[in-house]
N, C-alpha and C. Protein backbone atom coordinates (compact mmCIF):
# COMPACT_ATOMS: atom_id res chain seq x y z
N UNK A 1 3.33 -10.30 32.88
CA UNK A 1 4.19 -10.55 32.37
C UNK A 1 4.48 -12.17 31.43
N UNK A 2 4.69 -11.72 30.47
CA UNK A 2 4.92 -12.85 29.79
C UNK A 2 5.96 -14.10 30.31
N UNK A 3 5.43 -14.98 29.39
CA UNK A 3 6.62 -16.09 30.01
C UNK A 3 7.74 -16.57 29.18
N UNK A 4 8.72 -16.41 29.53
CA UNK A 4 9.83 -15.99 28.25
C UNK A 4 9.85 -17.15 27.72
N UNK A 5 9.36 -18.45 27.75
CA UNK A 5 9.25 -19.39 27.45
C UNK A 5 8.30 -19.62 25.88
N UNK A 6 6.95 -19.09 26.03
CA UNK A 6 6.15 -18.53 24.99
C UNK A 6 6.44 -17.54 24.03
N UNK A 7 6.91 -17.14 24.46
CA UNK A 7 8.08 -15.76 23.68
C UNK A 7 8.77 -16.22 22.78
N UNK A 8 9.92 -17.56 23.77
CA UNK A 8 10.44 -17.80 22.60
C UNK A 8 10.08 -18.66 21.83
N UNK A 9 9.11 -19.65 22.39
CA UNK A 9 8.43 -20.54 20.96
C UNK A 9 7.98 -19.10 19.80
N UNK A 10 7.02 -18.74 20.25
CA UNK A 10 6.52 -18.02 19.19
C UNK A 10 7.59 -17.11 17.80
N UNK A 11 8.67 -16.55 18.76
CA UNK A 11 9.55 -16.04 18.37
C UNK A 11 9.97 -17.16 17.09
N UNK A 12 10.51 -18.11 17.96
CA UNK A 12 10.69 -19.04 17.07
C UNK A 12 10.39 -19.43 15.80
N UNK A 13 8.84 -19.63 16.33
CA UNK A 13 8.04 -19.93 14.94
C UNK A 13 7.82 -19.22 13.40
N UNK A 14 7.96 -17.87 14.44
CA UNK A 14 8.16 -16.55 13.27
C UNK A 14 8.82 -16.90 12.32
N UNK A 15 10.26 -16.96 13.17
CA UNK A 15 11.64 -17.03 12.66
C UNK A 15 11.37 -18.25 11.18
N UNK A 16 11.25 -19.11 11.92
CA UNK A 16 10.90 -20.16 10.55
C UNK A 16 10.26 -20.37 9.65
N UNK A 17 9.01 -19.40 9.74
CA UNK A 17 8.16 -19.40 8.60
C UNK A 17 8.74 -17.60 7.67
N UNK A 18 9.51 -17.35 8.55
CA UNK A 18 10.29 -16.11 7.10
C UNK A 18 11.20 -16.58 6.39
N UNK A 19 11.68 -18.08 7.05
CA UNK A 19 12.79 -18.16 6.69
C UNK A 19 12.53 -19.51 5.45
N UNK A 20 11.65 -19.97 5.86
CA UNK A 20 10.60 -20.64 4.48
C UNK A 20 10.44 -19.93 4.20
N UNK A 21 9.83 -18.80 4.27
CA UNK A 21 9.02 -18.18 2.60
C UNK A 21 10.93 -17.41 2.03
N UNK A 22 11.71 -16.52 2.88
CA UNK A 22 12.83 -16.66 2.36
C UNK A 22 13.34 -17.43 0.95
N UNK A 23 12.89 -18.50 1.16
CA UNK A 23 13.69 -19.96 0.51
C UNK A 23 13.14 -20.24 -0.61
N UNK A 24 11.67 -19.37 -0.70
CA UNK A 24 11.33 -19.80 -1.96
C UNK A 24 11.97 -19.68 -3.07
N UNK A 25 11.34 -20.40 -4.15
CA UNK A 25 12.33 -20.26 -5.43
C UNK A 25 11.59 -19.10 -5.70
N UNK A 26 12.78 -18.33 -6.32
CA UNK A 26 11.65 -17.70 -8.22
C UNK A 26 12.64 -17.53 -9.50
N UNK A 27 11.97 -17.22 -9.75
CA UNK A 27 12.20 -17.73 -11.94
C UNK A 27 12.45 -16.20 -11.89
N UNK A 28 13.32 -15.99 -13.39
CA UNK A 28 13.88 -15.22 -13.97
C UNK A 28 12.38 -13.53 -13.45
N UNK A 29 11.28 -14.25 -13.90
CA UNK A 29 10.96 -12.75 -14.02
C UNK A 29 10.26 -12.00 -12.86
N UNK A 30 10.56 -13.09 -11.74
CA UNK A 30 10.01 -12.20 -10.49
C UNK A 30 11.11 -10.67 -9.97
N UNK A 31 10.92 -10.69 -10.62
CA UNK A 31 11.78 -9.17 -10.05
C UNK A 31 11.01 -7.74 -10.58
N UNK A 32 10.85 -8.12 -11.86
CA UNK A 32 9.26 -6.95 -12.51
C UNK A 32 8.61 -7.40 -12.70
N UNK A 33 7.85 -8.87 -11.97
CA UNK A 33 6.63 -8.64 -11.74
C UNK A 33 6.34 -7.87 -10.49
N UNK A 34 7.24 -8.22 -9.45
CA UNK A 34 7.50 -7.45 -7.95
C UNK A 34 7.25 -6.12 -7.98
N UNK A 35 7.94 -5.49 -8.90
CA UNK A 35 8.44 -4.35 -8.77
C UNK A 35 6.82 -3.33 -9.45
N UNK A 36 5.99 -4.63 -10.80
CA UNK A 36 4.87 -3.91 -11.12
C UNK A 36 3.42 -3.61 -9.92
N UNK A 37 3.71 -4.83 -9.59
CA UNK A 37 2.57 -5.23 -7.99
C UNK A 37 2.56 -3.47 -7.13
N UNK A 38 4.01 -3.45 -6.31
CA UNK A 38 4.73 -2.13 -6.53
C UNK A 38 4.22 -1.69 -7.05
N UNK A 39 4.78 -0.57 -7.93
CA UNK A 39 4.19 0.81 -8.39
C UNK A 39 2.78 0.15 -8.98
N UNK A 40 1.80 -0.02 -9.04
CA UNK A 40 0.09 -0.30 -8.32
C UNK A 40 -0.86 -0.30 -7.42
N UNK A 41 0.11 -1.35 -7.10
CA UNK A 41 -0.07 -0.01 -5.49
C UNK A 41 0.12 0.75 -4.91
N UNK A 42 1.58 1.51 -5.28
CA UNK A 42 1.63 3.09 -4.88
C UNK A 42 1.11 3.70 -6.04
N UNK A 43 0.45 3.41 -7.30
CA UNK A 43 -0.24 4.24 -7.80
C UNK A 43 -1.88 4.39 -7.16
N UNK A 44 -2.63 3.35 -6.97
CA UNK A 44 -3.25 3.65 -5.86
C UNK A 44 -3.14 4.26 -4.86
N UNK A 45 -2.38 4.46 -4.10
CA UNK A 45 -1.76 5.38 -3.18
C UNK A 45 -1.77 6.82 -3.26
N UNK A 46 -1.20 7.22 -4.05
CA UNK A 46 -1.58 8.04 -4.69
C UNK A 46 -2.65 8.85 -5.98
N UNK A 47 -3.51 7.69 -5.82
CA UNK A 47 -4.60 8.47 -6.81
C UNK A 47 -5.84 8.72 -5.61
N UNK A 48 -5.89 7.70 -4.47
CA UNK A 48 -6.44 7.78 -3.35
C UNK A 48 -6.25 9.55 -2.27
N UNK A 49 -5.21 9.27 -2.36
CA UNK A 49 -4.71 10.39 -1.77
C UNK A 49 -5.07 12.09 -2.42
N UNK A 50 -5.33 11.49 -3.51
CA UNK A 50 -5.25 12.72 -3.50
C UNK A 50 -6.62 13.30 -4.55
N UNK A 51 -7.58 12.33 -4.17
CA UNK A 51 -8.89 11.71 -4.31
C UNK A 51 -9.75 12.91 -3.69
N UNK A 52 -8.94 13.16 -2.34
CA UNK A 52 -10.28 14.47 -2.07
C UNK A 52 -10.77 16.09 -1.63
N UNK A 53 -9.19 16.11 -2.50
CA UNK A 53 -8.36 17.53 -2.58
C UNK A 53 -9.37 17.50 -3.97
N UNK A 54 -9.36 16.76 -4.70
CA UNK A 54 -9.40 17.04 -6.36
C UNK A 54 -11.12 16.95 -6.24
N UNK A 55 -11.74 16.20 -5.68
CA UNK A 55 -13.06 16.60 -6.27
C UNK A 55 -14.04 16.44 -4.62
N UNK A 56 -12.94 17.58 -3.80
CA UNK A 56 -13.75 18.34 -2.40
C UNK A 56 -15.13 18.77 -2.70
N UNK A 57 -15.20 20.06 -4.33
CA UNK A 57 -16.48 20.69 -3.94
C UNK A 57 -17.51 20.38 -4.15
N UNK A 58 -17.29 19.07 -4.91
CA UNK A 58 -18.96 18.10 -5.43
C UNK A 58 -19.52 16.99 -4.09
N UNK A 59 -18.44 16.80 -3.11
CA UNK A 59 -18.12 16.52 -1.87
C UNK A 59 -19.35 17.51 -1.15
N UNK A 60 -18.84 18.48 -0.72
CA UNK A 60 -18.78 19.78 -0.25
C UNK A 60 -20.33 20.31 -0.08
N UNK A 61 -20.72 19.87 -1.66
CA UNK A 61 -21.65 20.46 -1.85
C UNK A 61 -23.06 20.39 -1.85
N UNK A 62 -22.48 18.10 -2.18
CA UNK A 62 -23.66 17.17 -1.97
C UNK A 62 -23.80 16.79 -0.20
N UNK A 63 -22.82 17.55 0.77
CA UNK A 63 -23.09 17.19 1.76
C UNK A 63 -23.10 17.60 3.02
N UNK A 64 -23.18 19.37 2.28
CA UNK A 64 -23.24 20.50 3.48
C UNK A 64 -24.11 21.47 2.57
N UNK A 65 -24.07 21.90 0.96
CA UNK A 65 -24.81 22.46 0.52
C UNK A 65 -26.33 22.42 0.14
N UNK A 66 -25.79 21.36 -0.80
CA UNK A 66 -27.68 21.41 -1.61
C UNK A 66 -28.52 20.43 -0.89
N UNK A 67 -29.73 21.35 0.00
CA UNK A 67 -30.55 20.89 0.17
C UNK A 67 -29.90 21.46 2.23
N UNK A 68 -29.11 21.62 2.26
CA UNK A 68 -28.95 21.40 3.67
C UNK A 68 -29.18 22.99 3.96
N UNK A 69 -28.57 24.41 4.00
CA UNK A 69 -28.92 25.25 3.67
C UNK A 69 -28.06 25.65 3.83
N UNK A 70 -26.09 25.30 3.72
CA UNK A 70 -25.01 26.40 3.50
C UNK A 70 -24.94 27.09 1.95
N UNK A 71 -24.12 28.03 2.25
CA UNK A 71 -23.68 28.16 1.59
C UNK A 71 -22.10 27.33 1.46
N UNK A 72 -21.75 27.69 0.13
CA UNK A 72 -20.37 26.63 -0.01
C UNK A 72 -19.58 26.98 1.11
N UNK A 73 -19.42 28.77 0.99
CA UNK A 73 -18.13 28.91 1.63
C UNK A 73 -18.14 28.30 3.63
N UNK A 74 -19.27 28.19 3.75
CA UNK A 74 -20.25 27.77 5.07
C UNK A 74 -19.77 25.80 4.60
N UNK A 75 -19.99 25.85 4.02
CA UNK A 75 -19.95 23.33 3.30
C UNK A 75 -18.28 23.68 3.24
N UNK A 76 -17.46 24.14 3.05
CA UNK A 76 -16.22 24.48 2.75
C UNK A 76 -15.64 24.29 4.33
N UNK A 77 -16.14 25.42 4.85
CA UNK A 77 -15.41 25.40 6.51
C UNK A 77 -15.96 23.73 7.32
N UNK A 78 -16.94 23.79 7.00
CA UNK A 78 -17.55 22.67 7.80
C UNK A 78 -16.36 21.56 7.22
N UNK A 79 -16.21 20.99 6.45
CA UNK A 79 -15.64 19.71 6.17
C UNK A 79 -14.43 20.42 6.13
N UNK A 80 -14.22 21.59 6.44
CA UNK A 80 -12.14 21.35 6.72
C UNK A 80 -11.76 21.48 7.91
N UNK A 81 -13.12 21.70 9.25
CA UNK A 81 -13.21 21.50 10.19
C UNK A 81 -13.44 20.62 10.62
N UNK A 82 -14.30 19.33 10.32
CA UNK A 82 -14.40 17.90 10.53
C UNK A 82 -13.32 17.20 10.06
N UNK A 83 -12.69 17.42 8.70
CA UNK A 83 -11.83 16.50 8.69
C UNK A 83 -9.91 16.64 9.08
N UNK A 84 -9.93 17.69 9.75
CA UNK A 84 -8.98 18.04 10.25
C UNK A 84 -7.81 17.09 11.50
N UNK A 85 -8.83 16.46 12.03
CA UNK A 85 -8.31 15.36 13.08
C UNK A 85 -7.76 14.58 12.25
N UNK A 86 -7.64 14.34 10.68
CA UNK A 86 -7.18 13.42 10.09
C UNK A 86 -5.24 13.38 10.17
N UNK A 87 -4.79 14.86 10.21
CA UNK A 87 -3.75 15.06 10.39
C UNK A 87 -2.89 13.85 11.48
N UNK A 88 -3.90 14.16 12.34
CA UNK A 88 -3.48 13.29 14.01
C UNK A 88 -3.55 11.63 13.32
N UNK A 89 -4.48 11.27 12.77
CA UNK A 89 -4.43 10.12 12.60
C UNK A 89 -3.36 9.58 11.31
N UNK A 90 -3.34 10.54 10.59
CA UNK A 90 -2.42 10.52 9.75
C UNK A 90 -0.82 9.84 10.23
N UNK A 91 -0.26 10.56 11.68
CA UNK A 91 0.87 11.05 12.49
C UNK A 91 1.22 9.16 12.93
N UNK A 92 0.02 9.13 13.69
CA UNK A 92 -0.29 7.31 14.34
C UNK A 92 0.18 6.51 13.31
N UNK A 93 -0.87 6.47 11.82
CA UNK A 93 -0.56 5.22 10.95
C UNK A 93 1.07 5.40 11.00
N UNK A 94 1.80 6.53 10.61
CA UNK A 94 2.97 6.28 10.76
C UNK A 94 4.48 5.17 11.79
N UNK A 95 3.25 5.49 12.92
CA UNK A 95 4.21 5.01 14.01
C UNK A 95 4.25 2.69 13.26
N UNK A 96 2.69 2.88 13.61
CA UNK A 96 1.72 1.61 13.03
C UNK A 96 2.16 0.43 12.23
N UNK A 97 3.25 1.35 11.50
CA UNK A 97 3.55 0.58 10.54
C UNK A 97 5.63 0.48 10.53
N UNK A 98 5.86 0.20 12.45
CA UNK A 98 6.52 -0.15 12.94
C UNK A 98 6.21 -1.98 12.91
N UNK A 99 5.26 -1.98 12.91
CA UNK A 99 4.84 -3.37 13.51
C UNK A 99 5.33 -4.25 12.14
N UNK A 100 5.52 -4.08 11.19
CA UNK A 100 6.09 -4.58 10.21
C UNK A 100 7.17 -5.27 10.55
N UNK A 101 7.93 -4.38 12.02
CA UNK A 101 9.57 -5.11 12.26
C UNK A 101 9.24 -5.87 12.95
N UNK A 102 7.81 -6.50 13.22
CA UNK A 102 7.45 -7.71 14.07
C UNK A 102 6.81 -8.52 13.53
N UNK A 103 5.75 -8.40 12.64
CA UNK A 103 5.16 -9.43 11.83
C UNK A 103 5.78 -9.90 10.35
N UNK A 104 6.45 -8.53 10.23
CA UNK A 104 6.96 -8.61 8.61
C UNK A 104 6.66 -7.83 7.58
N UNK A 105 7.04 -7.48 6.86
CA UNK A 105 6.53 -6.41 5.46
C UNK A 105 5.15 -6.79 4.79
N UNK A 106 5.16 -8.50 4.98
CA UNK A 106 4.16 -7.83 3.53
C UNK A 106 2.99 -8.17 4.05
N UNK A 107 2.64 -8.95 5.26
CA UNK A 107 1.55 -8.96 6.29
C UNK A 107 1.26 -7.45 6.07
N UNK A 108 2.10 -6.49 5.93
CA UNK A 108 1.53 -4.91 6.62
C UNK A 108 1.61 -4.91 4.72
N UNK A 109 2.38 -5.07 4.15
CA UNK A 109 1.42 -4.18 2.75
C UNK A 109 0.32 -5.23 2.58
N UNK A 110 0.32 -6.01 3.09
CA UNK A 110 -1.43 -6.46 2.25
C UNK A 110 -2.42 -5.98 3.02
N UNK A 111 -2.24 -5.48 4.53
CA UNK A 111 -3.39 -4.80 4.77
C UNK A 111 -3.25 -2.90 4.10
N UNK A 112 -2.60 -3.13 4.24
CA UNK A 112 -2.50 -1.32 3.85
C UNK A 112 -3.48 -1.60 2.88
N UNK A 113 -3.14 -2.87 1.85
CA UNK A 113 -4.00 -2.55 0.60
C UNK A 113 -5.56 -2.79 0.59
N UNK A 114 -5.58 -3.76 1.65
CA UNK A 114 -7.00 -3.85 1.90
C UNK A 114 -7.74 -2.67 2.55
N UNK A 115 -7.08 -2.15 3.79
CA UNK A 115 -7.83 -0.60 4.06
C UNK A 115 -7.93 0.51 3.31
N UNK A 116 -7.05 0.53 2.11
CA UNK A 116 -6.73 1.18 1.61
C UNK A 116 -8.32 0.81 0.48
N UNK A 117 -9.16 0.01 0.22
CA UNK A 117 -10.02 -0.59 -0.59
C UNK A 117 -11.09 -1.04 0.27
N UNK A 118 -11.19 -0.94 1.70
CA UNK A 118 -12.24 -0.97 2.46
C UNK A 118 -12.88 1.03 2.72
N UNK A 119 -11.62 1.30 2.95
CA UNK A 119 -11.38 2.70 2.75
C UNK A 119 -12.69 3.58 1.71
N UNK A 120 -12.14 3.38 0.43
CA UNK A 120 -12.97 3.68 -0.85
C UNK A 120 -14.68 3.31 -1.04
N UNK A 121 -14.14 2.16 -0.59
CA UNK A 121 -16.27 1.35 -0.56
C UNK A 121 -16.57 1.94 0.02
N UNK A 122 -15.97 2.13 0.74
CA UNK A 122 -17.50 3.21 2.46
C UNK A 122 -17.00 4.35 1.60
N UNK A 123 -16.57 5.17 0.55
CA UNK A 123 -16.67 6.05 0.68
C UNK A 123 -17.88 6.50 -0.46
N UNK A 124 -17.65 5.36 -1.14
CA UNK A 124 -18.29 4.84 -2.37
C UNK A 124 -19.84 4.24 -2.21
N UNK A 125 -20.03 3.81 -0.90
CA UNK A 125 -21.50 3.37 -0.72
C UNK A 125 -21.87 5.22 0.44
N UNK A 126 -21.25 5.50 0.87
CA UNK A 126 -21.66 6.27 1.95
C UNK A 126 -23.21 6.78 1.75
N UNK A 127 -23.85 6.99 2.48
CA UNK A 127 -25.18 7.63 2.13
C UNK A 127 -25.23 9.12 3.16
N UNK A 128 -24.13 9.10 4.10
CA UNK A 128 -24.06 10.24 4.71
C UNK A 128 -22.34 11.20 5.06
N UNK A 129 -22.32 12.18 5.45
CA UNK A 129 -21.39 12.75 5.67
C UNK A 129 -20.24 11.66 6.92
N UNK A 130 -21.00 10.99 7.85
CA UNK A 130 -20.90 10.26 9.32
C UNK A 130 -19.93 9.34 8.22
N UNK A 131 -20.33 8.77 8.02
CA UNK A 131 -20.48 7.28 6.70
C UNK A 131 -18.97 8.15 5.88
N UNK A 132 -18.67 8.51 5.02
CA UNK A 132 -17.69 9.20 4.41
C UNK A 132 -16.33 9.25 5.02
N UNK A 133 -16.86 10.20 6.43
CA UNK A 133 -15.64 10.91 7.10
C UNK A 133 -14.56 9.26 7.94
N UNK A 134 -15.83 7.96 7.99
CA UNK A 134 -15.49 6.50 8.35
C UNK A 134 -14.32 6.27 7.16
N UNK A 135 -14.85 6.53 5.90
CA UNK A 135 -14.48 6.21 5.33
C UNK A 135 -12.95 6.45 4.57
N UNK A 136 -12.97 7.48 4.91
CA UNK A 136 -11.80 8.22 4.74
C UNK A 136 -10.90 8.23 5.41
N UNK A 137 -10.66 8.20 7.30
CA UNK A 137 -9.98 7.43 8.38
C UNK A 137 -9.78 6.38 7.65
N UNK A 138 -10.04 5.46 7.48
CA UNK A 138 -9.91 4.01 7.33
C UNK A 138 -8.79 4.06 6.30
N UNK A 139 -8.90 4.90 5.33
CA UNK A 139 -8.44 5.36 3.85
C UNK A 139 -6.93 5.99 4.47
N UNK A 140 -7.05 6.78 5.17
CA UNK A 140 -6.01 7.67 4.83
C UNK A 140 -4.74 7.24 5.66
N UNK A 141 -5.69 6.62 7.45
CA UNK A 141 -4.58 5.28 7.93
C UNK A 141 -3.67 4.33 7.02
N UNK A 142 -4.16 3.82 5.95
CA UNK A 142 -3.40 2.65 5.46
C UNK A 142 -2.11 3.55 4.30
N UNK A 143 -3.00 4.22 3.86
CA UNK A 143 -2.08 5.52 3.14
C UNK A 143 -1.13 5.68 3.83
N UNK A 144 -0.85 6.60 4.66
CA UNK A 144 0.43 6.92 5.13
C UNK A 144 1.45 5.73 5.82
N UNK A 145 0.92 4.74 5.82
CA UNK A 145 1.67 3.79 6.33
C UNK A 145 2.43 3.94 4.70
N UNK A 146 2.67 3.77 3.71
CA UNK A 146 3.50 4.40 2.30
C UNK A 146 4.44 2.53 3.00
N UNK A 147 4.27 1.31 3.12
CA UNK A 147 4.60 0.11 3.24
C UNK A 147 5.12 -0.09 1.55
N UNK A 148 4.54 -0.04 0.72
CA UNK A 148 5.32 -0.22 -0.80
C UNK A 148 6.66 0.52 -0.52
N UNK A 149 6.61 1.70 -0.34
CA UNK A 149 7.70 2.25 -0.57
C UNK A 149 8.67 1.74 0.26
N UNK A 150 8.84 0.87 1.47
CA UNK A 150 9.53 0.58 2.42
C UNK A 150 9.97 -0.74 2.04
N UNK A 151 9.23 -1.29 1.07
CA UNK A 151 9.18 -3.10 0.17
C UNK A 151 9.98 -2.52 -0.68
N UNK A 152 9.99 -1.42 -1.73
CA UNK A 152 10.76 -1.29 -2.92
C UNK A 152 11.95 -1.16 -2.70
N UNK A 153 12.22 -0.52 -1.39
CA UNK A 153 13.51 -0.13 -1.23
C UNK A 153 14.75 -1.27 -1.07
N UNK A 154 13.84 -2.48 -0.63
CA UNK A 154 14.56 -3.25 0.69
C UNK A 154 14.81 -4.93 -0.30
N UNK A 155 13.50 -5.10 -0.85
CA UNK A 155 13.96 -5.62 -2.30
C UNK A 155 14.31 -5.60 -3.84
N UNK A 156 14.71 -4.07 -4.37
CA UNK A 156 15.30 -3.65 -5.56
C UNK A 156 16.92 -3.72 -4.91
N UNK A 157 17.38 -4.73 -6.12
CA UNK A 157 18.75 -4.41 -6.30
C UNK A 157 19.24 -3.30 -6.40
N UNK A 158 21.00 -3.74 -5.72
CA UNK A 158 21.24 -2.27 -4.90
C UNK A 158 21.60 -1.60 -6.48
N UNK A 159 22.08 -1.86 -7.60
CA UNK A 159 22.08 -1.64 -8.52
C UNK A 159 21.50 -0.28 -9.35
N UNK A 160 19.42 -0.85 -9.18
CA UNK A 160 18.84 -0.41 -9.70
C UNK A 160 17.60 0.26 -8.25
N UNK A 161 18.17 0.78 -7.25
CA UNK A 161 17.30 0.92 -6.81
C UNK A 161 17.04 2.43 -7.10
N UNK A 162 17.39 3.83 -7.56
CA UNK A 162 17.19 5.09 -8.00
C UNK A 162 16.70 4.83 -9.54
N UNK A 163 17.05 3.32 -10.25
CA UNK A 163 15.96 3.20 -11.53
C UNK A 163 14.44 2.94 -11.28
N UNK A 164 14.03 2.03 -10.34
CA UNK A 164 12.89 1.54 -9.05
C UNK A 164 11.99 2.41 -8.58
N UNK A 165 12.51 3.48 -8.16
CA UNK A 165 12.13 4.45 -7.67
C UNK A 165 11.44 5.37 -8.27
N UNK A 166 12.47 5.54 -9.64
CA UNK A 166 12.20 6.90 -10.18
C UNK A 166 11.01 6.62 -11.61
N UNK A 167 10.98 5.58 -11.90
CA UNK A 167 9.20 4.09 -12.31
C UNK A 167 8.50 4.08 -11.34
N UNK A 168 8.76 4.02 -10.28
CA UNK A 168 7.84 4.04 -8.96
C UNK A 168 6.82 5.03 -8.93
N UNK A 169 7.80 6.87 -9.18
CA UNK A 169 7.25 8.12 -8.80
C UNK A 169 6.76 8.13 -10.32
N UNK A 170 7.29 7.70 -11.25
CA UNK A 170 6.52 8.11 -12.64
C UNK A 170 5.33 7.59 -12.95
N UNK A 171 5.07 6.61 -12.58
CA UNK A 171 3.49 6.46 -12.34
C UNK A 171 2.64 6.67 -11.63
N UNK A 172 3.49 6.96 -10.02
CA UNK A 172 2.61 7.90 -9.15
C UNK A 172 1.92 9.00 -9.58
N UNK A 173 2.65 9.58 -10.57
CA UNK A 173 2.42 11.47 -10.76
C UNK A 173 1.25 11.25 -12.36
N UNK A 174 1.52 9.66 -13.13
CA UNK A 174 0.51 9.08 -13.96
C UNK A 174 -0.94 9.06 -13.45
N UNK A 175 -0.89 8.56 -11.93
CA UNK A 175 -2.28 8.37 -11.70
C UNK A 175 -2.77 9.14 -10.85
N UNK A 176 -2.00 10.37 -10.70
CA UNK A 176 -2.84 11.85 -10.09
C UNK A 176 -3.49 12.42 -11.27
N UNK A 177 -2.74 12.03 -13.17
CA UNK A 177 -3.41 12.32 -14.03
C UNK A 177 -4.41 11.69 -14.30
N UNK A 178 -4.59 10.44 -13.78
CA UNK A 178 -5.67 10.26 -14.34
C UNK A 178 -6.72 9.96 -13.60
N UNK A 179 -6.61 10.88 -12.38
CA UNK A 179 -7.90 12.00 -11.33
C UNK A 179 -9.09 12.35 -12.45
N UNK A 180 -7.70 14.07 -13.27
CA UNK A 180 -8.73 14.46 -14.11
C UNK A 180 -9.61 13.69 -15.10
N UNK A 181 -9.27 12.99 -15.82
CA UNK A 181 -9.30 11.46 -16.57
C UNK A 181 -11.05 11.37 -16.18
N UNK A 182 -10.96 10.88 -15.62
CA UNK A 182 -11.97 9.77 -14.78
C UNK A 182 -13.23 10.99 -14.47
N UNK A 183 -12.34 12.31 -13.81
CA UNK A 183 -13.86 13.02 -13.63
C UNK A 183 -14.12 13.83 -14.82
N UNK A 184 -13.80 14.28 -15.97
CA UNK A 184 -14.16 14.24 -17.23
C UNK A 184 -14.70 13.31 -17.55
N UNK A 185 -15.36 11.63 -17.70
CA UNK A 185 -15.90 10.87 -17.84
C UNK A 185 -16.58 10.18 -17.42
N UNK A 186 -16.91 10.89 -16.00
CA UNK A 186 -17.80 10.76 -15.12
C UNK A 186 -18.95 12.77 -14.81
N UNK A 187 -18.45 13.28 -15.27
CA UNK A 187 -19.78 14.42 -15.82
C UNK A 187 -20.09 14.19 -16.56
N UNK A 188 -21.67 14.16 -15.84
CA UNK A 188 -22.67 14.95 -16.92
C UNK A 188 -23.61 15.73 -16.75
N UNK A 189 -23.84 16.51 -18.24
CA UNK A 189 -24.51 18.02 -17.85
C UNK A 189 -24.34 18.20 -16.79
N UNK A 190 -22.61 19.09 -16.17
CA UNK A 190 -22.05 19.67 -15.55
C UNK A 190 -22.51 18.69 -13.55
N UNK A 191 -22.75 18.34 -14.27
CA UNK A 191 -22.95 17.20 -12.40
C UNK A 191 -22.28 16.15 -12.26
N UNK A 192 -21.23 16.25 -11.16
CA UNK A 192 -20.35 14.48 -11.43
C UNK A 192 -20.45 13.91 -10.38
N UNK A 193 -20.36 12.66 -10.96
CA UNK A 193 -20.76 11.25 -9.77
C UNK A 193 -19.31 11.14 -9.45
N UNK A 194 -19.05 12.04 -8.47
CA UNK A 194 -17.52 11.51 -7.75
C UNK A 194 -17.25 9.94 -7.20
N UNK A 195 -18.58 9.57 -6.32
CA UNK A 195 -18.80 8.60 -6.31
C UNK A 195 -17.78 7.04 -7.00
N UNK A 196 -18.29 7.55 -8.61
CA UNK A 196 -17.73 6.27 -8.97
C UNK A 196 -16.43 6.17 -9.29
N UNK A 197 -15.58 7.47 -9.06
CA UNK A 197 -14.21 7.66 -9.29
C UNK A 197 -13.19 6.36 -8.14
N UNK A 198 -14.52 6.97 -6.22
CA UNK A 198 -13.82 6.42 -5.12
C UNK A 198 -13.85 4.57 -5.69
N UNK A 199 -14.68 3.96 -6.71
CA UNK A 199 -15.24 2.85 -6.90
C UNK A 199 -13.76 1.60 -7.59
N UNK A 200 -13.24 2.57 -8.49
CA UNK A 200 -12.10 2.09 -9.39
C UNK A 200 -10.55 1.57 -8.62
N UNK A 201 -10.46 2.76 -6.65
CA UNK A 201 -9.32 2.07 -6.23
C UNK A 201 -9.72 1.02 -5.64
N UNK A 202 -11.15 0.44 -4.99
CA UNK A 202 -12.04 -0.02 -4.59
C UNK A 202 -11.69 -1.61 -4.90
N UNK A 203 -11.71 -1.94 -6.32
CA UNK A 203 -11.89 -3.03 -7.23
C UNK A 203 -10.29 -3.22 -7.55
N UNK A 204 -9.47 -2.26 -7.53
CA UNK A 204 -8.37 -2.33 -7.98
C UNK A 204 -7.33 -2.86 -6.80
N UNK A 205 -7.68 -2.20 -5.49
CA UNK A 205 -6.62 -2.18 -4.77
C UNK A 205 -6.45 -4.26 -4.27
N UNK A 206 -7.97 -4.06 -3.64
CA UNK A 206 -8.57 -6.29 -3.63
C UNK A 206 -7.97 -6.66 -4.58
N UNK A 207 -8.62 -6.32 -6.34
CA UNK A 207 -7.60 -7.06 -7.25
C UNK A 207 -5.63 -7.49 -7.08
N UNK A 208 -5.34 -6.28 -6.74
CA UNK A 208 -3.82 -5.72 -6.64
C UNK A 208 -3.30 -6.87 -5.18
N UNK A 209 -4.07 -6.71 -4.51
CA UNK A 209 -4.04 -7.89 -2.90
C UNK A 209 -3.70 -9.29 -3.30
N UNK A 210 -4.83 -9.62 -3.64
CA UNK A 210 -4.74 -11.07 -4.24
C UNK A 210 -3.66 -11.54 -4.71
N UNK A 211 -3.61 -10.43 -6.01
CA UNK A 211 -2.21 -11.30 -6.25
C UNK A 211 -0.65 -10.82 -5.65
N UNK A 212 -0.63 -9.95 -4.76
CA UNK A 212 0.52 -10.07 -3.58
C UNK A 212 0.75 -11.25 -2.90
N UNK A 213 -1.04 -11.24 -2.83
CA UNK A 213 -0.79 -13.03 -1.50
C UNK A 213 -0.04 -13.51 -2.33
N UNK A 214 -0.67 -14.23 -3.77
CA UNK A 214 -0.03 -15.02 -4.34
C UNK A 214 1.16 -15.00 -5.26
N UNK A 215 2.13 -13.78 -5.49
CA UNK A 215 2.69 -14.57 -6.23
C UNK A 215 4.15 -13.58 -5.65
N UNK A 216 4.19 -12.36 -4.47
CA UNK A 216 5.69 -11.95 -3.83
C UNK A 216 5.11 -12.78 -2.55
N UNK A 217 6.85 -12.81 -2.36
CA UNK A 217 6.92 -13.36 -0.99
C UNK A 217 7.41 -12.56 0.05
N UNK A 218 8.22 -13.07 1.16
CA UNK A 218 8.84 -11.66 2.35
C UNK A 218 9.81 -11.05 1.89
N UNK A 219 10.12 -9.97 2.27
CA UNK A 219 11.40 -9.18 1.24
C UNK A 219 13.22 -9.85 2.71
N UNK A 220 13.58 -10.09 1.93
CA UNK A 220 15.26 -11.07 2.88
C UNK A 220 15.53 -10.36 4.58
């Protein structure tokens, strides 16, 4: 059983840290800068969420069909069977987001960005389907947290919450459209270099996380 004095001391330390962060002086442009970074993170979230289905045929061909002795339909079935447990992982991730009530929203927001970056990078480098699956599991776990959505609701001015959500949703859909553009840019002689498309969110997430760490403070 935990020592009550230690628990209280830990809570007081955390509370002092949160109060200090809350009292940090903000500047006139802070709300706009915050909105931009939250939108960027949601765009990366939507981009990586839709990558798997958009690039599925190329992934199946590489890992199950070409040189593997399977037809495309057999490979597609094997892919579907191997990725089916992701649904359970996504359910678990939604409960993992509850940790933000204990440690604060910002740490979980940063963790989700790092998780997406790590997962996308593993997929980009994956030499086998097993490695690809590990990267996908990591990426989907942190995507499912949707901490940027909760963050946006808590920091948006009361009279502009619908407006902030509208901007966020609009640019998130633009990110999905971007996948198709990148498919065209990475297709040569009918062959799609699908790994390159995962490299983009991996790099972008790292940049956004660094900027969030430096610029954004905890929600009130």
